[in-house]
mmCIF file of all heavy atoms, coordinates in Angstrom:
data_MODEL
# 
_entry.id   MODEL 
# 
loop_
_atom_site.group_PDB 
_atom_site.id 
_atom_site.type_symbol 
_atom_site.label_atom_id 
_atom_site.label_alt_id 
_atom_site.label_comp_id 
_atom_site.label_asym_id 
_atom_site.label_entity_id 
_atom_site.label_seq_id 
_atom_site.pdbx_PDB_ins_code 
_atom_site.Cartn_x 
_atom_site.Cartn_y 
_atom_site.Cartn_z 
_atom_site.occupancy 
_atom_site.B_iso_or_equiv 
_atom_site.pdbx_formal_charge 
_atom_site.auth_seq_id 
_atom_site.auth_comp_id 
_atom_site.auth_asym_id 
_atom_site.auth_atom_id 
_atom_site.pdbx_PDB_model_num 
ATOM 1   N N   . GLY A 1 1  ? 196.231 166.717 35.520 1.00 0.00 ? 1  GLY A N   1 
ATOM 2   C CA  . GLY A 1 1  ? 197.578 166.531 36.042 1.00 0.00 ? 1  GLY A CA  1 
ATOM 3   C C   . GLY A 1 1  ? 197.599 166.076 37.492 1.00 0.00 ? 1  GLY A C   1 
ATOM 4   O O   . GLY A 1 1  ? 198.649 165.675 38.007 1.00 0.00 ? 1  GLY A O   1 
ATOM 5   N N   . GLN A 1 2  ? 196.439 166.159 38.165 1.00 0.00 ? 2  GLN A N   1 
ATOM 6   C CA  . GLN A 1 2  ? 196.345 165.675 39.535 1.00 0.00 ? 2  GLN A CA  1 
ATOM 7   C C   . GLN A 1 2  ? 195.671 164.300 39.537 1.00 0.00 ? 2  GLN A C   1 
ATOM 8   O O   . GLN A 1 2  ? 195.086 163.870 38.541 1.00 0.00 ? 2  GLN A O   1 
ATOM 9   C CB  . GLN A 1 2  ? 195.585 166.674 40.410 1.00 0.00 ? 2  GLN A CB  1 
ATOM 10  C CG  . GLN A 1 2  ? 196.340 167.996 40.580 1.00 0.00 ? 2  GLN A CG  1 
ATOM 11  C CD  . GLN A 1 2  ? 195.602 168.966 41.476 1.00 0.00 ? 2  GLN A CD  1 
ATOM 12  O OE1 . GLN A 1 2  ? 194.550 169.485 41.119 1.00 0.00 ? 2  GLN A OE1 1 
ATOM 13  N NE2 . GLN A 1 2  ? 196.161 169.237 42.651 1.00 0.00 ? 2  GLN A NE2 1 
ATOM 14  N N   . ARG A 1 3  ? 195.738 163.621 40.681 1.00 0.00 ? 3  ARG A N   1 
ATOM 15  C CA  . ARG A 1 3  ? 195.307 162.215 40.726 1.00 0.00 ? 3  ARG A CA  1 
ATOM 16  C C   . ARG A 1 3  ? 194.554 161.922 42.018 1.00 0.00 ? 3  ARG A C   1 
ATOM 17  O O   . ARG A 1 3  ? 194.957 162.320 43.106 1.00 0.00 ? 3  ARG A O   1 
ATOM 18  C CB  . ARG A 1 3  ? 196.538 161.320 40.635 1.00 0.00 ? 3  ARG A CB  1 
ATOM 19  C CG  . ARG A 1 3  ? 196.273 159.842 40.758 1.00 0.00 ? 3  ARG A CG  1 
ATOM 20  C CD  . ARG A 1 3  ? 197.572 159.062 40.651 1.00 0.00 ? 3  ARG A CD  1 
ATOM 21  N NE  . ARG A 1 3  ? 198.088 159.051 39.287 1.00 0.00 ? 3  ARG A NE  1 
ATOM 22  C CZ  . ARG A 1 3  ? 199.377 159.050 38.972 1.00 0.00 ? 3  ARG A CZ  1 
ATOM 23  N NH1 . ARG A 1 3  ? 200.279 159.084 39.928 1.00 0.00 ? 3  ARG A NH1 1 
ATOM 24  N NH2 . ARG A 1 3  ? 199.759 159.016 37.707 1.00 0.00 ? 3  ARG A NH2 1 
ATOM 25  N N   . CYS A 1 4  ? 193.448 161.194 41.865 1.00 0.00 ? 4  CYS A N   1 
ATOM 26  C CA  . CYS A 1 4  ? 192.646 160.746 43.014 1.00 0.00 ? 4  CYS A CA  1 
ATOM 27  C C   . CYS A 1 4  ? 192.466 159.231 42.925 1.00 0.00 ? 4  CYS A C   1 
ATOM 28  O O   . CYS A 1 4  ? 192.130 158.697 41.864 1.00 0.00 ? 4  CYS A O   1 
ATOM 29  C CB  . CYS A 1 4  ? 191.282 161.434 43.007 1.00 0.00 ? 4  CYS A CB  1 
ATOM 30  S SG  . CYS A 1 4  ? 190.139 160.853 44.290 1.00 0.00 ? 4  CYS A SG  1 
ATOM 31  N N   . VAL A 1 5  ? 192.688 158.539 44.035 1.00 0.00 ? 5  VAL A N   1 
ATOM 32  C CA  . VAL A 1 5  ? 192.490 157.095 44.113 1.00 0.00 ? 5  VAL A CA  1 
ATOM 33  C C   . VAL A 1 5  ? 191.269 156.797 44.985 1.00 0.00 ? 5  VAL A C   1 
ATOM 34  O O   . VAL A 1 5  ? 191.116 157.378 46.064 1.00 0.00 ? 5  VAL A O   1 
ATOM 35  C CB  . VAL A 1 5  ? 193.740 156.383 44.680 1.00 0.00 ? 5  VAL A CB  1 
ATOM 36  C CG1 . VAL A 1 5  ? 193.438 154.914 44.980 1.00 0.00 ? 5  VAL A CG1 1 
ATOM 37  C CG2 . VAL A 1 5  ? 194.898 156.484 43.696 1.00 0.00 ? 5  VAL A CG2 1 
ATOM 38  N N   . VAL A 1 6  ? 190.419 155.902 44.499 1.00 0.00 ? 6  VAL A N   1 
ATOM 39  C CA  . VAL A 1 6  ? 189.200 155.520 45.220 1.00 0.00 ? 6  VAL A CA  1 
ATOM 40  C C   . VAL A 1 6  ? 189.240 154.020 45.499 1.00 0.00 ? 6  VAL A C   1 
ATOM 41  O O   . VAL A 1 6  ? 189.535 153.220 44.600 1.00 0.00 ? 6  VAL A O   1 
ATOM 42  C CB  . VAL A 1 6  ? 187.943 155.854 44.382 1.00 0.00 ? 6  VAL A CB  1 
ATOM 43  C CG1 . VAL A 1 6  ? 186.674 155.543 45.185 1.00 0.00 ? 6  VAL A CG1 1 
ATOM 44  C CG2 . VAL A 1 6  ? 187.961 157.303 43.929 1.00 0.00 ? 6  VAL A CG2 1 
ATOM 45  N N   . ILE A 1 7  ? 188.946 153.639 46.732 1.00 0.00 ? 7  ILE A N   1 
ATOM 46  C CA  . ILE A 1 7  ? 188.937 152.224 47.113 1.00 0.00 ? 7  ILE A CA  1 
ATOM 47  C C   . ILE A 1 7  ? 187.569 151.611 46.806 1.00 0.00 ? 7  ILE A C   1 
ATOM 48  O O   . ILE A 1 7  ? 186.533 152.092 47.281 1.00 0.00 ? 7  ILE A O   1 
ATOM 49  C CB  . ILE A 1 7  ? 189.245 152.042 48.620 1.00 0.00 ? 7  ILE A CB  1 
ATOM 50  C CG1 . ILE A 1 7  ? 190.554 152.753 49.000 1.00 0.00 ? 7  ILE A CG1 1 
ATOM 51  C CG2 . ILE A 1 7  ? 189.305 150.556 48.975 1.00 0.00 ? 7  ILE A CG2 1 
ATOM 52  C CD1 . ILE A 1 7  ? 191.781 152.230 48.285 1.00 0.00 ? 7  ILE A CD1 1 
ATOM 53  N N   . LEU A 1 8  ? 187.555 150.544 45.994 1.00 0.00 ? 8  LEU A N   1 
ATOM 54  C CA  . LEU A 1 8  ? 186.337 149.771 45.738 1.00 0.00 ? 8  LEU A CA  1 
ATOM 55  C C   . LEU A 1 8  ? 186.426 148.487 46.563 1.00 0.00 ? 8  LEU A C   1 
ATOM 56  O O   . LEU A 1 8  ? 187.169 147.569 46.208 1.00 0.00 ? 8  LEU A O   1 
ATOM 57  C CB  . LEU A 1 8  ? 186.206 149.439 44.245 1.00 0.00 ? 8  LEU A CB  1 
ATOM 58  C CG  . LEU A 1 8  ? 186.222 150.616 43.260 1.00 0.00 ? 8  LEU A CG  1 
ATOM 59  C CD1 . LEU A 1 8  ? 185.891 150.122 41.847 1.00 0.00 ? 8  LEU A CD1 1 
ATOM 60  C CD2 . LEU A 1 8  ? 185.264 151.727 43.674 1.00 0.00 ? 8  LEU A CD2 1 
ATOM 61  N N   . PRO A 1 9  ? 185.687 148.399 47.680 1.00 0.00 ? 9  PRO A N   1 
ATOM 62  C CA  . PRO A 1 9  ? 185.937 147.332 48.669 1.00 0.00 ? 9  PRO A CA  1 
ATOM 63  C C   . PRO A 1 9  ? 185.584 145.913 48.241 1.00 0.00 ? 9  PRO A C   1 
ATOM 64  O O   . PRO A 1 9  ? 186.278 144.972 48.609 1.00 0.00 ? 9  PRO A O   1 
ATOM 65  C CB  . PRO A 1 9  ? 185.077 147.749 49.870 1.00 0.00 ? 9  PRO A CB  1 
ATOM 66  C CG  . PRO A 1 9  ? 184.829 149.203 49.675 1.00 0.00 ? 9  PRO A CG  1 
ATOM 67  C CD  . PRO A 1 9  ? 184.742 149.397 48.192 1.00 0.00 ? 9  PRO A CD  1 
ATOM 68  N N   . ASP A 1 10 ? 184.469 145.721 47.510 1.00 0.00 ? 10 ASP A N   1 
ATOM 69  C CA  . ASP A 1 10 ? 184.101 144.336 47.202 1.00 0.00 ? 10 ASP A CA  1 
ATOM 70  C C   . ASP A 1 10 ? 183.346 144.246 45.887 1.00 0.00 ? 10 ASP A C   1 
ATOM 71  O O   . ASP A 1 10 ? 183.137 145.255 45.201 1.00 0.00 ? 10 ASP A O   1 
ATOM 72  C CB  . ASP A 1 10 ? 183.311 143.692 48.349 1.00 0.00 ? 10 ASP A CB  1 
ATOM 73  C CG  . ASP A 1 10 ? 181.904 144.244 48.507 1.00 0.00 ? 10 ASP A CG  1 
ATOM 74  O OD1 . ASP A 1 10 ? 181.570 145.251 47.857 1.00 0.00 ? 10 ASP A OD1 1 
ATOM 75  O OD2 . ASP A 1 10 ? 181.119 143.670 49.283 1.00 0.00 ? 10 ASP A OD2 1 
ATOM 76  N N   . SER A 1 11 ? 182.941 143.020 45.537 1.00 0.00 ? 11 SER A N   1 
ATOM 77  C CA  . SER A 1 11 ? 182.346 142.755 44.226 1.00 0.00 ? 11 SER A CA  1 
ATOM 78  C C   . SER A 1 11 ? 180.830 142.656 44.295 1.00 0.00 ? 11 SER A C   1 
ATOM 79  O O   . SER A 1 11 ? 180.232 142.604 45.369 1.00 0.00 ? 11 SER A O   1 
ATOM 80  C CB  . SER A 1 11 ? 182.918 141.458 43.647 1.00 0.00 ? 11 SER A CB  1 
ATOM 81  O OG  . SER A 1 11 ? 182.275 140.341 44.224 1.00 0.00 ? 11 SER A OG  1 
ATOM 82  N N   . VAL A 1 12 ? 180.226 142.564 43.114 1.00 0.00 ? 12 VAL A N   1 
ATOM 83  C CA  . VAL A 1 12 ? 178.775 142.441 43.016 1.00 0.00 ? 12 VAL A CA  1 
ATOM 84  C C   . VAL A 1 12 ? 178.298 141.045 43.411 1.00 0.00 ? 12 VAL A C   1 
ATOM 85  O O   . VAL A 1 12 ? 177.098 140.822 43.604 1.00 0.00 ? 12 VAL A O   1 
ATOM 86  C CB  . VAL A 1 12 ? 178.329 142.788 41.573 1.00 0.00 ? 12 VAL A CB  1 
ATOM 87  C CG1 . VAL A 1 12 ? 178.686 141.659 40.617 1.00 0.00 ? 12 VAL A CG1 1 
ATOM 88  C CG2 . VAL A 1 12 ? 176.849 143.114 41.508 1.00 0.00 ? 12 VAL A CG2 1 
ATOM 89  N N   . ARG A 1 13 ? 179.215 140.088 43.546 1.00 0.00 ? 13 ARG A N   1 
ATOM 90  C CA  . ARG A 1 13 ? 178.836 138.698 43.842 1.00 0.00 ? 13 ARG A CA  1 
ATOM 91  C C   . ARG A 1 13 ? 177.915 138.586 45.048 1.00 0.00 ? 13 ARG A C   1 
ATOM 92  O O   . ARG A 1 13 ? 176.969 137.783 45.048 1.00 0.00 ? 13 ARG A O   1 
ATOM 93  C CB  . ARG A 1 13 ? 180.099 137.865 44.118 1.00 0.00 ? 13 ARG A CB  1 
ATOM 94  C CG  . ARG A 1 13 ? 179.825 136.416 44.497 1.00 0.00 ? 13 ARG A CG  1 
ATOM 95  C CD  . ARG A 1 13 ? 181.052 135.761 45.109 1.00 0.00 ? 13 ARG A CD  1 
ATOM 96  N NE  . ARG A 1 13 ? 181.375 136.348 46.400 1.00 0.00 ? 13 ARG A NE  1 
ATOM 97  C CZ  . ARG A 1 13 ? 182.526 136.157 47.045 1.00 0.00 ? 13 ARG A CZ  1 
ATOM 98  N NH1 . ARG A 1 13 ? 183.456 135.405 46.504 1.00 0.00 ? 13 ARG A NH1 1 
ATOM 99  N NH2 . ARG A 1 13 ? 182.745 136.727 48.222 1.00 0.00 ? 13 ARG A NH2 1 
ATOM 100 N N   . ASN A 1 14 ? 178.166 139.393 46.072 1.00 0.00 ? 14 ASN A N   1 
ATOM 101 C CA  . ASN A 1 14 ? 177.391 139.271 47.306 1.00 0.00 ? 14 ASN A CA  1 
ATOM 102 C C   . ASN A 1 14 ? 176.034 139.974 47.253 1.00 0.00 ? 14 ASN A C   1 
ATOM 103 O O   . ASN A 1 14 ? 175.302 139.947 48.241 1.00 0.00 ? 14 ASN A O   1 
ATOM 104 C CB  . ASN A 1 14 ? 178.190 139.844 48.485 1.00 0.00 ? 14 ASN A CB  1 
ATOM 105 C CG  . ASN A 1 14 ? 179.397 138.996 48.824 1.00 0.00 ? 14 ASN A CG  1 
ATOM 106 O OD1 . ASN A 1 14 ? 179.394 137.788 48.598 1.00 0.00 ? 14 ASN A OD1 1 
ATOM 107 N ND2 . ASN A 1 14 ? 180.435 139.617 49.350 1.00 0.00 ? 14 ASN A ND2 1 
ATOM 108 N N   . TYR A 1 15 ? 175.709 140.608 46.126 1.00 0.00 ? 15 TYR A N   1 
ATOM 109 C CA  . TYR A 1 15 ? 174.500 141.433 46.074 1.00 0.00 ? 15 TYR A CA  1 
ATOM 110 C C   . TYR A 1 15 ? 173.668 141.162 44.821 1.00 0.00 ? 15 TYR A C   1 
ATOM 111 O O   . TYR A 1 15 ? 172.928 142.025 44.361 1.00 0.00 ? 15 TYR A O   1 
ATOM 112 C CB  . TYR A 1 15 ? 174.894 142.920 46.139 1.00 0.00 ? 15 TYR A CB  1 
ATOM 113 C CG  . TYR A 1 15 ? 175.927 143.185 47.199 1.00 0.00 ? 15 TYR A CG  1 
ATOM 114 C CD1 . TYR A 1 15 ? 177.266 143.392 46.866 1.00 0.00 ? 15 TYR A CD1 1 
ATOM 115 C CD2 . TYR A 1 15 ? 175.585 143.190 48.553 1.00 0.00 ? 15 TYR A CD2 1 
ATOM 116 C CE1 . TYR A 1 15 ? 178.233 143.601 47.836 1.00 0.00 ? 15 TYR A CE1 1 
ATOM 117 C CE2 . TYR A 1 15 ? 176.539 143.402 49.534 1.00 0.00 ? 15 TYR A CE2 1 
ATOM 118 C CZ  . TYR A 1 15 ? 177.860 143.597 49.171 1.00 0.00 ? 15 TYR A CZ  1 
ATOM 119 O OH  . TYR A 1 15 ? 178.815 143.798 50.144 1.00 0.00 ? 15 TYR A OH  1 
ATOM 120 N N   . MET A 1 16 ? 173.787 139.940 44.293 1.00 0.00 ? 16 MET A N   1 
ATOM 121 C CA  . MET A 1 16 ? 173.069 139.610 43.060 1.00 0.00 ? 16 MET A CA  1 
ATOM 122 C C   . MET A 1 16 ? 171.559 139.750 43.226 1.00 0.00 ? 16 MET A C   1 
ATOM 123 O O   . MET A 1 16 ? 170.848 140.111 42.285 1.00 0.00 ? 16 MET A O   1 
ATOM 124 C CB  . MET A 1 16 ? 173.412 138.183 42.622 1.00 0.00 ? 16 MET A CB  1 
ATOM 125 C CG  . MET A 1 16 ? 174.895 137.950 42.374 1.00 0.00 ? 16 MET A CG  1 
ATOM 126 S SD  . MET A 1 16 ? 175.547 138.887 40.995 1.00 0.00 ? 16 MET A SD  1 
ATOM 127 C CE  . MET A 1 16 ? 174.931 137.926 39.627 1.00 0.00 ? 16 MET A CE  1 
ATOM 128 N N   . SER A 1 17 ? 171.050 139.469 44.429 1.00 0.00 ? 17 SER A N   1 
ATOM 129 C CA  . SER A 1 17 ? 169.610 139.553 44.672 1.00 0.00 ? 17 SER A CA  1 
ATOM 130 C C   . SER A 1 17 ? 169.207 140.911 45.222 1.00 0.00 ? 17 SER A C   1 
ATOM 131 O O   . SER A 1 17 ? 168.038 141.138 45.523 1.00 0.00 ? 17 SER A O   1 
ATOM 132 C CB  . SER A 1 17 ? 169.174 138.449 45.649 1.00 0.00 ? 17 SER A CB  1 
ATOM 133 O OG  . SER A 1 17 ? 169.821 138.615 46.905 1.00 0.00 ? 17 SER A OG  1 
ATOM 134 N N   . LYS A 1 18 ? 170.165 141.811 45.337 1.00 0.00 ? 18 LYS A N   1 
ATOM 135 C CA  . LYS A 1 18 ? 169.870 143.133 45.901 1.00 0.00 ? 18 LYS A CA  1 
ATOM 136 C C   . LYS A 1 18 ? 169.950 144.215 44.823 1.00 0.00 ? 18 LYS A C   1 
ATOM 137 O O   . LYS A 1 18 ? 169.142 144.226 43.908 1.00 0.00 ? 18 LYS A O   1 
ATOM 138 C CB  . LYS A 1 18 ? 170.795 143.411 47.078 1.00 0.00 ? 18 LYS A CB  1 
ATOM 139 C CG  . LYS A 1 18 ? 170.459 142.542 48.301 1.00 0.00 ? 18 LYS A CG  1 
ATOM 140 C CD  . LYS A 1 18 ? 171.033 143.113 49.565 1.00 0.00 ? 18 LYS A CD  1 
ATOM 141 C CE  . LYS A 1 18 ? 170.445 142.463 50.798 1.00 0.00 ? 18 LYS A CE  1 
ATOM 142 N NZ  . LYS A 1 18 ? 170.877 143.127 52.049 1.00 0.00 ? 18 LYS A NZ  1 
ATOM 143 N N   . PHE A 1 19 ? 170.922 145.130 44.896 1.00 0.00 ? 19 PHE A N   1 
ATOM 144 C CA  . PHE A 1 19 ? 170.860 146.314 44.042 1.00 0.00 ? 19 PHE A CA  1 
ATOM 145 C C   . PHE A 1 19 ? 171.028 146.005 42.558 1.00 0.00 ? 19 PHE A C   1 
ATOM 146 O O   . PHE A 1 19 ? 170.714 146.839 41.717 1.00 0.00 ? 19 PHE A O   1 
ATOM 147 C CB  . PHE A 1 19 ? 171.884 147.363 44.499 1.00 0.00 ? 19 PHE A CB  1 
ATOM 148 C CG  . PHE A 1 19 ? 173.311 147.088 44.090 1.00 0.00 ? 19 PHE A CG  1 
ATOM 149 C CD1 . PHE A 1 19 ? 173.798 147.514 42.864 1.00 0.00 ? 19 PHE A CD1 1 
ATOM 150 C CD2 . PHE A 1 19 ? 174.175 146.417 44.941 1.00 0.00 ? 19 PHE A CD2 1 
ATOM 151 C CE1 . PHE A 1 19 ? 175.105 147.278 42.493 1.00 0.00 ? 19 PHE A CE1 1 
ATOM 152 C CE2 . PHE A 1 19 ? 175.484 146.176 44.571 1.00 0.00 ? 19 PHE A CE2 1 
ATOM 153 C CZ  . PHE A 1 19 ? 175.948 146.609 43.335 1.00 0.00 ? 19 PHE A CZ  1 
ATOM 154 N N   . LEU A 1 20 ? 171.490 144.815 42.218 1.00 0.00 ? 20 LEU A N   1 
ATOM 155 C CA  . LEU A 1 20 ? 171.583 144.444 40.812 1.00 0.00 ? 20 LEU A CA  1 
ATOM 156 C C   . LEU A 1 20 ? 170.201 144.187 40.215 1.00 0.00 ? 20 LEU A C   1 
ATOM 157 O O   . LEU A 1 20 ? 170.025 144.223 38.999 1.00 0.00 ? 20 LEU A O   1 
ATOM 158 C CB  . LEU A 1 20 ? 172.462 143.198 40.663 1.00 0.00 ? 20 LEU A CB  1 
ATOM 159 C CG  . LEU A 1 20 ? 173.205 143.037 39.337 1.00 0.00 ? 20 LEU A CG  1 
ATOM 160 C CD1 . LEU A 1 20 ? 174.143 144.205 39.103 1.00 0.00 ? 20 LEU A CD1 1 
ATOM 161 C CD2 . LEU A 1 20 ? 173.976 141.732 39.307 1.00 0.00 ? 20 LEU A CD2 1 
ATOM 162 N N   . SER A 1 21 ? 169.219 143.953 41.082 1.00 0.00 ? 21 SER A N   1 
ATOM 163 C CA  . SER A 1 21 ? 167.850 143.649 40.653 1.00 0.00 ? 21 SER A CA  1 
ATOM 164 C C   . SER A 1 21 ? 167.026 144.932 40.512 1.00 0.00 ? 21 SER A C   1 
ATOM 165 O O   . SER A 1 21 ? 166.947 145.735 41.447 1.00 0.00 ? 21 SER A O   1 
ATOM 166 C CB  . SER A 1 21 ? 167.187 142.714 41.677 1.00 0.00 ? 21 SER A CB  1 
ATOM 167 O OG  . SER A 1 21 ? 165.789 142.734 41.564 1.00 0.00 ? 21 SER A OG  1 
ATOM 168 N N   . ASP A 1 22 ? 166.393 145.131 39.345 1.00 0.00 ? 22 ASP A N   1 
ATOM 169 C CA  . ASP A 1 22 ? 165.507 146.278 39.158 1.00 0.00 ? 22 ASP A CA  1 
ATOM 170 C C   . ASP A 1 22 ? 164.340 146.244 40.138 1.00 0.00 ? 22 ASP A C   1 
ATOM 171 O O   . ASP A 1 22 ? 163.906 147.280 40.645 1.00 0.00 ? 22 ASP A O   1 
ATOM 172 C CB  . ASP A 1 22 ? 164.958 146.299 37.727 1.00 0.00 ? 22 ASP A CB  1 
ATOM 173 C CG  . ASP A 1 22 ? 165.978 146.814 36.720 1.00 0.00 ? 22 ASP A CG  1 
ATOM 174 O OD1 . ASP A 1 22 ? 166.970 147.430 37.144 1.00 0.00 ? 22 ASP A OD1 1 
ATOM 175 O OD2 . ASP A 1 22 ? 165.785 146.590 35.520 1.00 0.00 ? 22 ASP A OD2 1 
ATOM 176 N N   . ASP A 1 23 ? 163.822 145.046 40.396 1.00 0.00 ? 23 ASP A N   1 
ATOM 177 C CA  . ASP A 1 23 ? 162.704 144.923 41.332 1.00 0.00 ? 23 ASP A CA  1 
ATOM 178 C C   . ASP A 1 23 ? 163.105 145.411 42.720 1.00 0.00 ? 23 ASP A C   1 
ATOM 179 O O   . ASP A 1 23 ? 162.380 146.170 43.365 1.00 0.00 ? 23 ASP A O   1 
ATOM 180 C CB  . ASP A 1 23 ? 162.225 143.470 41.405 1.00 0.00 ? 23 ASP A CB  1 
ATOM 181 C CG  . ASP A 1 23 ? 161.430 143.060 40.184 1.00 0.00 ? 23 ASP A CG  1 
ATOM 182 O OD1 . ASP A 1 23 ? 161.066 143.952 39.391 1.00 0.00 ? 23 ASP A OD1 1 
ATOM 183 O OD2 . ASP A 1 23 ? 161.167 141.857 40.018 1.00 0.00 ? 23 ASP A OD2 1 
ATOM 184 N N   . TRP A 1 24 ? 164.269 144.947 43.190 1.00 0.00 ? 24 TRP A N   1 
ATOM 185 C CA  . TRP A 1 24 ? 164.754 145.338 44.528 1.00 0.00 ? 24 TRP A CA  1 
ATOM 186 C C   . TRP A 1 24 ? 164.950 146.849 44.584 1.00 0.00 ? 24 TRP A C   1 
ATOM 187 O O   . TRP A 1 24 ? 164.565 147.493 45.567 1.00 0.00 ? 24 TRP A O   1 
ATOM 188 C CB  . TRP A 1 24 ? 166.069 144.611 44.811 1.00 0.00 ? 24 TRP A CB  1 
ATOM 189 C CG  . TRP A 1 24 ? 166.577 144.740 46.207 1.00 0.00 ? 24 TRP A CG  1 
ATOM 190 C CD1 . TRP A 1 24 ? 166.317 143.910 47.263 1.00 0.00 ? 24 TRP A CD1 1 
ATOM 191 C CD2 . TRP A 1 24 ? 167.466 145.754 46.711 1.00 0.00 ? 24 TRP A CD2 1 
ATOM 192 N NE1 . TRP A 1 24 ? 166.983 144.350 48.393 1.00 0.00 ? 24 TRP A NE1 1 
ATOM 193 C CE2 . TRP A 1 24 ? 167.684 145.462 48.077 1.00 0.00 ? 24 TRP A CE2 1 
ATOM 194 C CE3 . TRP A 1 24 ? 168.079 146.863 46.137 1.00 0.00 ? 24 TRP A CE3 1 
ATOM 195 C CZ2 . TRP A 1 24 ? 168.510 146.267 48.882 1.00 0.00 ? 24 TRP A CZ2 1 
ATOM 196 C CZ3 . TRP A 1 24 ? 168.893 147.667 46.934 1.00 0.00 ? 24 TRP A CZ3 1 
ATOM 197 C CH2 . TRP A 1 24 ? 169.103 147.361 48.290 1.00 0.00 ? 24 TRP A CH2 1 
ATOM 198 N N   . MET A 1 25 ? 165.523 147.429 43.545 1.00 0.00 ? 25 MET A N   1 
ATOM 199 C CA  . MET A 1 25 ? 165.754 148.879 43.510 1.00 0.00 ? 25 MET A CA  1 
ATOM 200 C C   . MET A 1 25 ? 164.432 149.640 43.484 1.00 0.00 ? 25 MET A C   1 
ATOM 201 O O   . MET A 1 25 ? 164.256 150.651 44.175 1.00 0.00 ? 25 MET A O   1 
ATOM 202 C CB  . MET A 1 25 ? 166.597 149.241 42.291 1.00 0.00 ? 25 MET A CB  1 
ATOM 203 C CG  . MET A 1 25 ? 168.044 148.775 42.346 1.00 0.00 ? 25 MET A CG  1 
ATOM 204 S SD  . MET A 1 25 ? 169.085 149.792 43.417 1.00 0.00 ? 25 MET A SD  1 
ATOM 205 C CE  . MET A 1 25 ? 169.283 151.265 42.394 1.00 0.00 ? 25 MET A CE  1 
ATOM 206 N N   . SER A 1 26 ? 163.490 149.156 42.688 1.00 0.00 ? 26 SER A N   1 
ATOM 207 C CA  . SER A 1 26 ? 162.211 149.843 42.567 1.00 0.00 ? 26 SER A CA  1 
ATOM 208 C C   . SER A 1 26 ? 161.414 149.797 43.859 1.00 0.00 ? 26 SER A C   1 
ATOM 209 O O   . SER A 1 26 ? 160.776 150.781 44.242 1.00 0.00 ? 26 SER A O   1 
ATOM 210 C CB  . SER A 1 26 ? 161.400 149.212 41.437 1.00 0.00 ? 26 SER A CB  1 
ATOM 211 O OG  . SER A 1 26 ? 160.157 149.856 41.299 1.00 0.00 ? 26 SER A OG  1 
ATOM 212 N N   . GLN A 1 27 ? 161.470 148.660 44.549 1.00 0.00 ? 27 GLN A N   1 
ATOM 213 C CA  . GLN A 1 27 ? 160.747 148.526 45.815 1.00 0.00 ? 27 GLN A CA  1 
ATOM 214 C C   . GLN A 1 27 ? 161.177 149.580 46.821 1.00 0.00 ? 27 GLN A C   1 
ATOM 215 O O   . GLN A 1 27 ? 160.403 150.009 47.669 1.00 0.00 ? 27 GLN A O   1 
ATOM 216 C CB  . GLN A 1 27 ? 160.983 147.137 46.398 1.00 0.00 ? 27 GLN A CB  1 
ATOM 217 C CG  . GLN A 1 27 ? 160.284 146.016 45.662 1.00 0.00 ? 27 GLN A CG  1 
ATOM 218 C CD  . GLN A 1 27 ? 160.811 144.646 46.073 1.00 0.00 ? 27 GLN A CD  1 
ATOM 219 O OE1 . GLN A 1 27 ? 161.484 144.517 47.093 1.00 0.00 ? 27 GLN A OE1 1 
ATOM 220 N NE2 . GLN A 1 27 ? 160.516 143.643 45.277 1.00 0.00 ? 27 GLN A NE2 1 
ATOM 221 N N   . ARG A 1 28 ? 162.418 150.022 46.723 1.00 0.00 ? 28 ARG A N   1 
ATOM 222 C CA  . ARG A 1 28 ? 162.971 150.987 47.676 1.00 0.00 ? 28 ARG A CA  1 
ATOM 223 C C   . ARG A 1 28 ? 163.059 152.397 47.110 1.00 0.00 ? 28 ARG A C   1 
ATOM 224 O O   . ARG A 1 28 ? 163.670 153.275 47.710 1.00 0.00 ? 28 ARG A O   1 
ATOM 225 C CB  . ARG A 1 28 ? 164.362 150.503 48.131 1.00 0.00 ? 28 ARG A CB  1 
ATOM 226 C CG  . ARG A 1 28 ? 164.268 149.248 48.983 1.00 0.00 ? 28 ARG A CG  1 
ATOM 227 C CD  . ARG A 1 28 ? 165.512 148.405 48.925 1.00 0.00 ? 28 ARG A CD  1 
ATOM 228 N NE  . ARG A 1 28 ? 165.356 147.218 49.766 1.00 0.00 ? 28 ARG A NE  1 
ATOM 229 C CZ  . ARG A 1 28 ? 164.687 146.130 49.394 1.00 0.00 ? 28 ARG A CZ  1 
ATOM 230 N NH1 . ARG A 1 28 ? 164.135 146.062 48.198 1.00 0.00 ? 28 ARG A NH1 1 
ATOM 231 N NH2 . ARG A 1 28 ? 164.583 145.105 50.219 1.00 0.00 ? 28 ARG A NH2 1 
# 
């Protein structure tokens, strides 16, 4: 019955070579 709003600032477009990549995630 209660409500919480969360702001999602931007899209995955700017990070295709970053966190979307398993290799990039695994390296870190």
